[in-house]
Amino acid sequence: MASNPITKVTAEEYLALDRAAEFRSEFLDGEIIAMSGGSMRHSELGANLIGEVRAA
């Protein structure tokens, strides 16, 4: 069975890659993790939730 080693990157390397990237990602403990894209509906739900929490 072939192993797939995880290559760790530095914060500086991540920032350089992120600036040129087409898609969003996050950096966690040296690993680059792909993030899903947000939608207008997702933003609306988040804003409504924050409003409800603030009102409470």
N, C-alpha and C. Protein backbone atom coordinates (compact mmCIF):
# COMPACT_ATOMS: atom_id res chain seq x y z
N MET A 1 0.85 -1.16 0.00
CA MET A 1 0.00 0.00 0.00
C MET A 1 0.90 1.24 0.00
N ALA A 2 0.63 2.18 -0.86
CA ALA A 2 1.42 3.41 -0.95
C ALA A 2 0.99 4.37 0.15
N SER A 3 1.98 5.03 0.72
CA SER A 3 1.64 6.03 1.75
C SER A 3 1.62 7.41 1.11
N ASN A 4 0.77 8.26 1.64
CA ASN A 4 0.68 9.63 1.18
C ASN A 4 1.12 10.55 2.30
N PRO A 5 2.41 10.86 2.35
CA PRO A 5 2.88 11.71 3.44
C PRO A 5 2.28 13.11 3.34
N ILE A 6 1.99 13.69 4.49
CA ILE A 6 1.45 15.05 4.53
C ILE A 6 2.62 16.02 4.62
N THR A 7 2.70 16.90 3.66
CA THR A 7 3.76 17.89 3.65
C THR A 7 3.30 19.11 4.43
N LYS A 8 4.05 19.46 5.45
CA LYS A 8 3.74 20.63 6.26
C LYS A 8 4.34 21.86 5.59
N VAL A 9 3.66 22.99 5.71
CA VAL A 9 4.16 24.25 5.17
C VAL A 9 4.25 25.26 6.29
N THR A 10 5.07 26.26 6.10
CA THR A 10 5.19 27.33 7.09
C THR A 10 4.07 28.34 6.84
N ALA A 11 3.86 29.20 7.82
CA ALA A 11 2.84 30.24 7.68
C ALA A 11 3.17 31.15 6.49
N GLU A 12 4.43 31.45 6.30
CA GLU A 12 4.84 32.31 5.19
C GLU A 12 4.55 31.64 3.85
N GLU A 13 4.82 30.35 3.74
CA GLU A 13 4.53 29.62 2.50
C GLU A 13 3.03 29.60 2.24
N TYR A 14 2.26 29.36 3.31
CA TYR A 14 0.80 29.35 3.15
C TYR A 14 0.29 30.69 2.66
N LEU A 15 0.76 31.77 3.24
CA LEU A 15 0.29 33.10 2.83
C LEU A 15 0.62 33.38 1.37
N ALA A 16 1.80 32.98 0.94
CA ALA A 16 2.18 33.17 -0.46
C ALA A 16 1.26 32.36 -1.38
N LEU A 17 0.98 31.13 -1.01
CA LEU A 17 0.09 30.29 -1.81
C LEU A 17 -1.34 30.81 -1.78
N ASP A 18 -1.78 31.27 -0.63
CA ASP A 18 -3.15 31.74 -0.47
C ASP A 18 -3.42 33.00 -1.30
N ARG A 19 -2.45 33.88 -1.39
CA ARG A 19 -2.63 35.11 -2.18
C ARG A 19 -2.88 34.80 -3.65
N ALA A 20 -2.27 33.73 -4.15
CA ALA A 20 -2.39 33.38 -5.56
C ALA A 20 -3.50 32.35 -5.82
N ALA A 21 -4.11 31.85 -4.76
CA ALA A 21 -5.09 30.76 -4.90
C ALA A 21 -6.41 31.24 -5.46
N GLU A 22 -7.05 30.35 -6.21
CA GLU A 22 -8.37 30.62 -6.77
C GLU A 22 -9.47 30.30 -5.76
N PHE A 23 -9.18 29.36 -4.85
CA PHE A 23 -10.15 28.89 -3.88
C PHE A 23 -9.68 29.19 -2.47
N ARG A 24 -10.63 29.28 -1.56
CA ARG A 24 -10.32 29.58 -0.17
C ARG A 24 -9.79 28.34 0.54
N SER A 25 -8.91 28.58 1.50
CA SER A 25 -8.38 27.51 2.32
C SER A 25 -8.03 28.08 3.69
N GLU A 26 -7.75 27.17 4.63
CA GLU A 26 -7.31 27.62 5.94
C GLU A 26 -6.03 26.89 6.29
N PHE A 27 -5.31 27.44 7.25
CA PHE A 27 -4.02 26.91 7.66
C PHE A 27 -4.14 26.42 9.09
N LEU A 28 -3.82 25.14 9.32
CA LEU A 28 -3.93 24.57 10.65
C LEU A 28 -2.76 23.63 10.90
N ASP A 29 -1.93 23.99 11.85
CA ASP A 29 -0.77 23.15 12.23
C ASP A 29 0.08 22.73 11.04
N GLY A 30 0.32 23.66 10.13
CA GLY A 30 1.18 23.37 8.99
C GLY A 30 0.49 22.72 7.81
N GLU A 31 -0.80 22.46 7.93
CA GLU A 31 -1.55 21.84 6.83
C GLU A 31 -2.50 22.85 6.21
N ILE A 32 -2.66 22.74 4.90
CA ILE A 32 -3.61 23.58 4.17
C ILE A 32 -4.88 22.77 3.98
N ILE A 33 -6.00 23.32 4.45
CA ILE A 33 -7.27 22.62 4.40
C ILE A 33 -8.23 23.42 3.52
N ALA A 34 -8.79 22.75 2.52
CA ALA A 34 -9.72 23.41 1.60
C ALA A 34 -11.00 23.79 2.34
N MET A 35 -11.54 24.95 2.01
CA MET A 35 -12.80 25.41 2.59
C MET A 35 -13.86 25.46 1.50
N SER A 36 -15.07 25.17 1.88
CA SER A 36 -16.15 25.27 0.90
C SER A 36 -16.51 26.73 0.70
N GLY A 37 -17.07 27.02 -0.44
CA GLY A 37 -17.48 28.38 -0.72
C GLY A 37 -18.78 28.72 -0.02
N GLY A 38 -18.95 29.95 0.35
CA GLY A 38 -20.18 30.38 0.99
C GLY A 38 -21.20 30.80 -0.06
N SER A 39 -22.45 30.78 0.34
CA SER A 39 -23.52 31.21 -0.55
C SER A 39 -24.24 32.38 0.10
N MET A 40 -25.07 33.06 -0.66
CA MET A 40 -25.86 34.15 -0.12
C MET A 40 -26.79 33.63 0.97
N ARG A 41 -27.36 32.46 0.76
CA ARG A 41 -28.26 31.86 1.76
C ARG A 41 -27.50 31.58 3.06
N HIS A 42 -26.29 31.07 2.94
CA HIS A 42 -25.46 30.78 4.11
C HIS A 42 -25.17 32.05 4.89
N SER A 43 -24.84 33.12 4.21
CA SER A 43 -24.57 34.40 4.85
C SER A 43 -25.82 34.93 5.55
N GLU A 44 -26.94 34.78 4.90
CA GLU A 44 -28.22 35.23 5.46
C GLU A 44 -28.55 34.47 6.74
N LEU A 45 -28.36 33.16 6.72
CA LEU A 45 -28.61 32.36 7.91
C LEU A 45 -27.69 32.77 9.06
N GLY A 46 -26.44 32.99 8.76
CA GLY A 46 -25.48 33.42 9.79
C GLY A 46 -25.85 34.76 10.39
N ALA A 47 -26.24 35.70 9.54
CA ALA A 47 -26.63 37.03 10.02
C ALA A 47 -27.88 36.95 10.88
N ASN A 48 -28.85 36.14 10.48
CA ASN A 48 -30.06 35.96 11.28
C ASN A 48 -29.74 35.33 12.63
N LEU A 49 -28.86 34.36 12.65
CA LEU A 49 -28.48 33.71 13.90
C LEU A 49 -27.81 34.70 14.85
N ILE A 50 -26.90 35.50 14.32
CA ILE A 50 -26.22 36.50 15.15
C ILE A 50 -27.24 37.49 15.70
N GLY A 51 -28.20 37.90 14.90
CA GLY A 51 -29.25 38.82 15.36
C GLY A 51 -30.07 38.23 16.49
N GLU A 52 -30.42 36.95 16.37
CA GLU A 52 -31.20 36.28 17.41
C GLU A 52 -30.40 36.16 18.72
N VAL A 53 -29.14 35.81 18.59
CA VAL A 53 -28.30 35.67 19.79
C VAL A 53 -28.12 37.03 20.47
N ARG A 54 -27.92 38.06 19.68
CA ARG A 54 -27.74 39.40 20.24
C ARG A 54 -29.01 39.86 20.94
N ALA A 55 -30.18 39.57 20.35
CA ALA A 55 -31.45 39.98 20.93
C ALA A 55 -31.73 39.25 22.25
N ALA A 56 -31.21 38.03 22.35
CA ALA A 56 -31.43 37.26 23.58
C ALA A 56 -30.53 37.79 24.65
